C-alpha atoms as a PDB file:
ATOM      1  CA  UNK A   1      27.481 -74.120-148.508  1.00  0.00           C
ATOM      2  CA  UNK A   2      23.684 -74.523-147.631  1.00  0.00           C
ATOM      3  CA  UNK A   3      21.688 -75.390-144.293  1.00  0.00           C
ATOM      4  CA  UNK A   4      23.801 -77.088-141.532  1.00  0.00           C
ATOM      5  CA  UNK A   5      22.076 -79.934-139.631  1.00  0.00           C
ATOM      6  CA  UNK A   6      23.764 -80.800-136.508  1.00  0.00           C
ATOM      7  CA  UNK A   7      23.192 -84.311-135.068  1.00  0.00           C
ATOM      8  CA  UNK A   8      24.172 -85.326-131.506  1.00  0.00           C
ATOM      9  CA  UNK A   9      23.316 -87.231-128.297  1.00  0.00           C
ATOM     10  CA  UNK A  10      20.292 -84.922-128.403  1.00  0.00           C
ATOM     11  CA  UNK A  11      18.656 -85.950-131.848  1.00  0.00           C
ATOM     12  CA  UNK A  12      19.051 -89.558-131.080  1.00  0.00           C
ATOM     13  CA  UNK A  13      22.915 -90.361-131.308  1.00  0.00           C
ATOM     14  CA  UNK A  14      23.889 -93.198-128.635  1.00  0.00           C
ATOM     15  CA  UNK A  15      27.481 -91.758-127.491  1.00  0.00           C
ATOM     16  CA  UNK A  16      29.399 -88.641-127.465  1.00  0.00           C
ATOM     17  CA  UNK A  17      32.633 -89.748-128.976  1.00  0.00           C
ATOM     18  CA  UNK A  18      32.344 -90.778-132.514  1.00  0.00           C
ATOM     19  CA  UNK A  19      35.659 -91.623-134.268  1.00  0.00           C
ATOM     20  CA  UNK A  20      34.677 -92.618-137.990  1.00  0.00           C
ATOM     21  CA  UNK A  21      32.116 -92.438-140.757  1.00  0.00           C
ATOM     22  CA  UNK A  22      31.425 -93.971-143.864  1.00  0.00           C
ATOM     23  CA  UNK A  23      28.821 -93.816-146.527  1.00  0.00           C
ATOM     24  CA  UNK A  24      28.016 -97.804-147.689  1.00  0.00           C
ATOM     25  CA  UNK A  25      27.412 -98.478-151.599  1.00  0.00           C
ATOM     26  CA  UNK A  26      23.531 -98.769-150.269  1.00  0.00           C
ATOM     27  CA  UNK A  27      23.127 -95.298-149.425  1.00  0.00           C
ATOM     28  CA  UNK A  28      23.427 -95.039-145.592  1.00  0.00           C
ATOM     29  CA  UNK A  29      25.953 -93.522-143.692  1.00  0.00           C
ATOM     30  CA  UNK A  30      27.517 -95.354-140.837  1.00  0.00           C
ATOM     31  CA  UNK A  31      29.137 -93.622-138.142  1.00  0.00           C
ATOM     32  CA  UNK A  32      31.373 -96.068-135.644  1.00  0.00           C
ATOM     33  CA  UNK A  33      31.031 -94.146-131.617  1.00  0.00           C
ATOM     34  CA  UNK A  34      32.102 -95.481-128.275  1.00  0.00           C
ATOM     35  CA  UNK A  35      28.481 -96.972-127.998  1.00  0.00           C
ATOM     36  CA  UNK A  36      28.743 -99.233-130.859  1.00  0.00           C
ATOM     37  CA  UNK A  37      28.024 -98.833-134.101  1.00  0.00           C
ATOM     38  CA  UNK A  38      25.095 -96.510-135.984  1.00  0.00           C
ATOM     39  CA  UNK A  39      23.173 -96.494-138.970  1.00  0.00           C
ATOM     40  CA  UNK A  40      21.444 -93.929-140.101  1.00  0.00           C
ATOM     41  CA  UNK A  41      19.100 -93.250-143.384  1.00  0.00           C
ATOM     42  CA  UNK A  42      18.891 -89.611-143.252  1.00  0.00           C
ATOM     43  CA  UNK A  43      15.936 -89.330-140.958  1.00  0.00           C
ATOM     44  CA  UNK A  44      16.084 -92.321-138.475  1.00  0.00           C
ATOM     45  CA  UNK A  45      18.840 -94.564-136.109  1.00  0.00           C
ATOM     46  CA  UNK A  46      19.599 -98.042-135.829  1.00  0.00           C
ATOM     47  CA  UNK A  47      22.415 -99.233-133.636  1.00  0.00           C
ATOM     48  CA  UNK A  48      24.435-101.965-133.802  1.00  0.00           C
ATOM     49  CA  UNK A  49      25.614-103.276-130.151  1.00  0.00           C
ATOM     50  CA  UNK A  50      28.546-105.809-129.064  1.00  0.00           C
ATOM     51  CA  UNK A  51      26.623-108.919-127.090  1.00  0.00           C
ATOM     52  CA  UNK A  52      29.617-110.522-126.291  1.00  0.00           C
ATOM     53  CA  UNK A  53      28.064-113.729-125.599  1.00  0.00           C
ATOM     54  CA  UNK A  54      26.074-113.456-129.026  1.00  0.00           C
ATOM     55  CA  UNK A  55      28.453-114.008-131.892  1.00  0.00           C
ATOM     56  CA  UNK A  56      25.497-112.766-133.929  1.00  0.00           C
ATOM     57  CA  UNK A  57      26.664-109.048-132.801  1.00  0.00           C
ATOM     58  CA  UNK A  58      29.695-106.790-133.025  1.00  0.00           C
ATOM     59  CA  UNK A  59      32.714-107.528-131.431  1.00  0.00           C
ATOM     60  CA  UNK A  60      33.306-104.600-130.071  1.00  0.00           C
ATOM     61  CA  UNK A  61      31.080-101.526-128.562  1.00  0.00           C
ATOM     62  CA  UNK A  62      33.667 -99.164-129.625  1.00  0.00           C
ATOM     63  CA  UNK A  63      34.118 -98.807-133.083  1.00  0.00           C
ATOM     64  CA  UNK A  64      36.781 -96.150-134.306  1.00  0.00           C
ATOM     65  CA  UNK A  65      36.884 -97.015-138.396  1.00  0.00           C
ATOM     66  CA  UNK A  66      34.774 -98.495-141.132  1.00  0.00           C
ATOM     67  CA  UNK A  67      35.201 -99.316-144.371  1.00  0.00           C
ATOM     68  CA  UNK A  68      33.547-100.980-147.493  1.00  0.00           C
ATOM     69  CA  UNK A  69      35.127-103.681-149.457  1.00  0.00           C
ATOM     70  CA  UNK A  70      34.188-104.476-152.699  1.00  0.00           C
ATOM     71  CA  UNK A  71      31.555-107.269-151.949  1.00  0.00           C
ATOM     72  CA  UNK A  72      29.036-104.927-150.192  1.00  0.00           C
ATOM     73  CA  UNK A  73      30.551-105.978-146.528  1.00  0.00           C
ATOM     74  CA  UNK A  74      30.725-103.415-143.828  1.00  0.00           C
ATOM     75  CA  UNK A  75      34.324-103.635-141.610  1.00  0.00           C
ATOM     76  CA  UNK A  76      34.611-102.651-138.308  1.00  0.00           C
ATOM     77  CA  UNK A  77      37.471-102.175-136.168  1.00  0.00           C
ATOM     78  CA  UNK A  78      36.992-102.832-132.500  1.00  0.00           C
ATOM     79  CA  UNK A  79      39.448-100.867-130.261  1.00  0.00           C
ATOM     80  CA  UNK A  80      39.587-103.977-127.788  1.00  0.00           C
ATOM     81  CA  UNK A  81      37.977-106.813-129.149  1.00  0.00           C
ATOM     82  CA  UNK A  82      39.173-107.325-132.770  1.00  0.00           C
ATOM     83  CA  UNK A  83      36.840-107.020-136.114  1.00  0.00           C
ATOM     84  CA  UNK A  84      33.892-107.325-137.121  1.00  0.00           C
ATOM     85  CA  UNK A  85      31.882-107.733-140.763  1.00  0.00           C
ATOM     86  CA  UNK A  86      28.627-106.955-141.763  1.00  0.00           C
ATOM     87  CA  UNK A  87      27.342-107.899-144.754  1.00  0.00           C
ATOM     88  CA  UNK A  88      24.993-105.176-146.200  1.00  0.00           C
ATOM     89  CA  UNK A  89      22.733-107.337-148.359  1.00  0.00           C
ATOM     90  CA  UNK A  90      21.886-110.180-146.219  1.00  0.00           C
ATOM     91  CA  UNK A  91      22.320-108.108-142.451  1.00  0.00           C
ATOM     92  CA  UNK A  92      24.411-111.114-141.198  1.00  0.00           C
ATOM     93  CA  UNK A  93      27.775-110.486-138.827  1.00  0.00           C
ATOM     94  CA  UNK A  94      30.901-112.299-138.270  1.00  0.00           C
ATOM     95  CA  UNK A  95      32.986-111.451-135.934  1.00  0.00           C
ATOM     96  CA  UNK A  96      36.695-111.797-135.874  1.00  0.00           C
ATOM     97  CA  UNK A  97      37.393-111.537-132.233  1.00  0.00           C
ATOM     98  CA  UNK A  98      41.366-111.864-132.260  1.00  0.00           C
ATOM     99  CA  UNK A  99      42.791-112.467-135.823  1.00  0.00           C
ATOM    100  CA  UNK A 100      45.752-114.636-135.236  1.00  0.00           C
ATOM    101  CA  UNK A 101      45.528-117.940-133.178  1.00  0.00           C
ATOM    102  CA  UNK A 102      48.526-117.586-131.219  1.00  0.00           C
ATOM    103  CA  UNK A 103      49.021-116.152-127.562  1.00  0.00           C
ATOM    104  CA  UNK A 104      49.392-112.273-128.529  1.00  0.00           C
ATOM    105  CA  UNK A 105      47.252-110.551-126.049  1.00  0.00           C
ATOM    106  CA  UNK A 106      46.634-107.534-128.285  1.00  0.00           C
ATOM    107  CA  UNK A 107      43.150-108.159-130.382  1.00  0.00           C
ATOM    108  CA  UNK A 108      42.307-104.413-130.986  1.00  0.00           C
ATOM    109  CA  UNK A 109      42.177-102.867-134.448  1.00  0.00           C
ATOM    110  CA  UNK A 110      43.525 -99.500-134.777  1.00  0.00           C
ATOM    111  CA  UNK A 111      42.843 -98.730-138.678  1.00  0.00           C
ATOM    112  CA  UNK A 112      41.136-100.116-142.106  1.00  0.00           C
ATOM    113  CA  UNK A 113      42.390 -99.374-145.284  1.00  0.00           C
ATOM    114  CA  UNK A 114      40.584-100.562-148.737  1.00  0.00           C
ATOM    115  CA  UNK A 115      43.575-100.779-151.045  1.00  0.00           C
ATOM    116  CA  UNK A 116      42.802 -99.956-155.066  1.00  0.00           C
ATOM    117  CA  UNK A 117      43.038-103.538-155.898  1.00  0.00           C
ATOM    118  CA  UNK A 118      40.015-104.073-153.080  1.00  0.00           C
ATOM    119  CA  UNK A 119      42.507-105.173-150.531  1.00  0.00           C
ATOM    120  CA  UNK A 120      40.950-105.131-146.924  1.00  0.00           C
ATOM    121  CA  UNK A 121      44.297-103.792-144.947  1.00  0.00           C
ATOM    122  CA  UNK A 122      43.902-103.767-141.154  1.00  0.00           C
ATOM    123  CA  UNK A 123      46.421-102.278-137.802  1.00  0.00           C
ATOM    124  CA  UNK A 124      46.495-103.816-134.950  1.00  0.00           C
ATOM    125  CA  UNK A 125      47.405-102.894-131.588  1.00  0.00           C
ATOM    126  CA  UNK A 126      49.796-105.635-131.383  1.00  0.00           C
ATOM    127  CA  UNK A 127      50.238-108.131-134.335  1.00  0.00           C
ATOM    128  CA  UNK A 128      51.235-104.847-136.999  1.00  0.00           C
ATOM    129  CA  UNK A 129      49.266-104.914-140.105  1.00  0.00           C
ATOM    130  CA  UNK A 130      47.641-107.595-141.385  1.00  0.00           C
ATOM    131  CA  UNK A 131      46.030-108.657-144.845  1.00  0.00           C
ATOM    132  CA  UNK A 132      41.930-109.872-145.207  1.00  0.00           C
ATOM    133  CA  UNK A 133      42.807-113.140-147.708  1.00  0.00           C
ATOM    134  CA  UNK A 134      38.918-113.737-148.745  1.00  0.00           C
ATOM    135  CA  UNK A 135      39.413-116.383-150.413  1.00  0.00           C
ATOM    136  CA  UNK A 136      40.648-118.606-146.756  1.00  0.00           C
ATOM    137  CA  UNK A 137      38.215-116.273-144.464  1.00  0.00           C
ATOM    138  CA  UNK A 138      41.950-115.669-142.514  1.00  0.00           C
ATOM    139  CA  UNK A 139      44.338-113.279-142.099  1.00  0.00           C
ATOM    140  CA  UNK A 140      48.457-113.296-143.204  1.00  0.00           C
ATOM    141  CA  UNK A 141      50.574-110.708-141.317  1.00  0.00           C
ATOM    142  CA  UNK A 142      53.211-108.687-141.571  1.00  0.00           C
ATOM    143  CA  UNK A 143      54.854-107.954-138.159  1.00  0.00           C
ATOM    144  CA  UNK A 144      57.443-105.926-137.939  1.00  0.00           C
ATOM    145  CA  UNK A 145      59.422-107.072-134.632  1.00  0.00           C
ATOM    146  CA  UNK A 146      58.256-111.003-134.215  1.00  0.00           C
ATOM    147  CA  UNK A 147      60.128-111.270-130.965  1.00  0.00           C
ATOM    148  CA  UNK A 148      58.271-108.492-128.759  1.00  0.00           C
ATOM    149  CA  UNK A 149      54.584-108.905-128.778  1.00  0.00           C
ATOM    150  CA  UNK A 150      52.544-106.138-127.807  1.00  0.00           C
ATOM    151  CA  UNK A 151      49.154-106.311-125.942  1.00  0.00           C
ATOM    152  CA  UNK A 152      48.730-102.625-127.129  1.00  0.00           C
ATOM    153  CA  UNK A 153      49.594-100.731-123.482  1.00  0.00           C
ATOM    154  CA  UNK A 154      53.058 -99.556-124.513  1.00  0.00           C
ATOM    155  CA  UNK A 155      54.339 -98.170-128.108  1.00  0.00           C
ATOM    156  CA  UNK A 156      56.337-100.571-130.650  1.00  0.00           C
ATOM    157  CA  UNK A 157      56.911-101.350-133.974  1.00  0.00           C
ATOM    158  CA  UNK A 158      53.914-103.884-133.671  1.00  0.00           C
ATOM    159  CA  UNK A 159      51.298-101.330-132.751  1.00  0.00           C
ATOM    160  CA  UNK A 160      50.105 -99.952-136.154  1.00  0.00           C
ATOM    161  CA  UNK A 161      47.516 -96.612-135.410  1.00  0.00           C
ATOM    162  CA  UNK A 162      47.018 -95.811-138.858  1.00  0.00           C
ATOM    163  CA  UNK A 163      47.370 -97.003-142.514  1.00  0.00           C
ATOM    164  CA  UNK A 164      48.086 -94.328-145.814  1.00  0.00           C
ATOM    165  CA  UNK A 165      48.873 -95.073-149.375  1.00  0.00           C
ATOM    166  CA  UNK A 166      51.946 -93.336-150.341  1.00  0.00           C
ATOM    167  CA  UNK A 167      50.925 -90.892-153.218  1.00  0.00           C
ATOM    168  CA  UNK A 168      54.211 -90.938-155.685  1.00  0.00           C
ATOM    169  CA  UNK A 169      54.857 -95.074-155.164  1.00  0.00           C
ATOM    170  CA  UNK A 170      51.564 -97.653-155.953  1.00  0.00           C
ATOM    171  CA  UNK A 171      51.327-100.596-153.692  1.00  0.00           C
ATOM    172  CA  UNK A 172      53.462 -98.766-150.705  1.00  0.00           C
ATOM    173  CA  UNK A 173      51.921 -97.977-147.192  1.00  0.00           C
ATOM    174  CA  UNK A 174      52.893 -95.775-144.597  1.00  0.00           C
ATOM    175  CA  UNK A 175      52.339 -96.827-141.316  1.00  0.00           C
END
């Protein structure tokens, strides 16, 4: 295996809990944590925090999943305050605090998945499964039980905690 390097808060990482890691196409290592988003270049960390009043920052400080799309955007799942998209070429951040405009209270995102066609799928805390529609910059929802919205505080069919592809059937997900 070679030399093992251990990185933690003693080396400058900002949090004690880490949920996701992703290497982007530009070579950076991205880490979703309980204290924001961390970019690591092999030597230095850059930390992205949410300032809820500043819409040019990420939407949430608890980042539990990460995925890069085919257009060099890094998507971040915020456990409480929605979704964020960081354009890796420009550094510009876009927030999607609540994916839907209805009265459902749950705005948290639990999981992200990029399928073989490059589409981004989102597992939400109370709105079921969502798919990003880039041509409209909006979301399409697949809600198992629309009569029972959830704020994520109790289990129900509309709370999606993870997304996995079925390796035997193309286009089928396990939720």
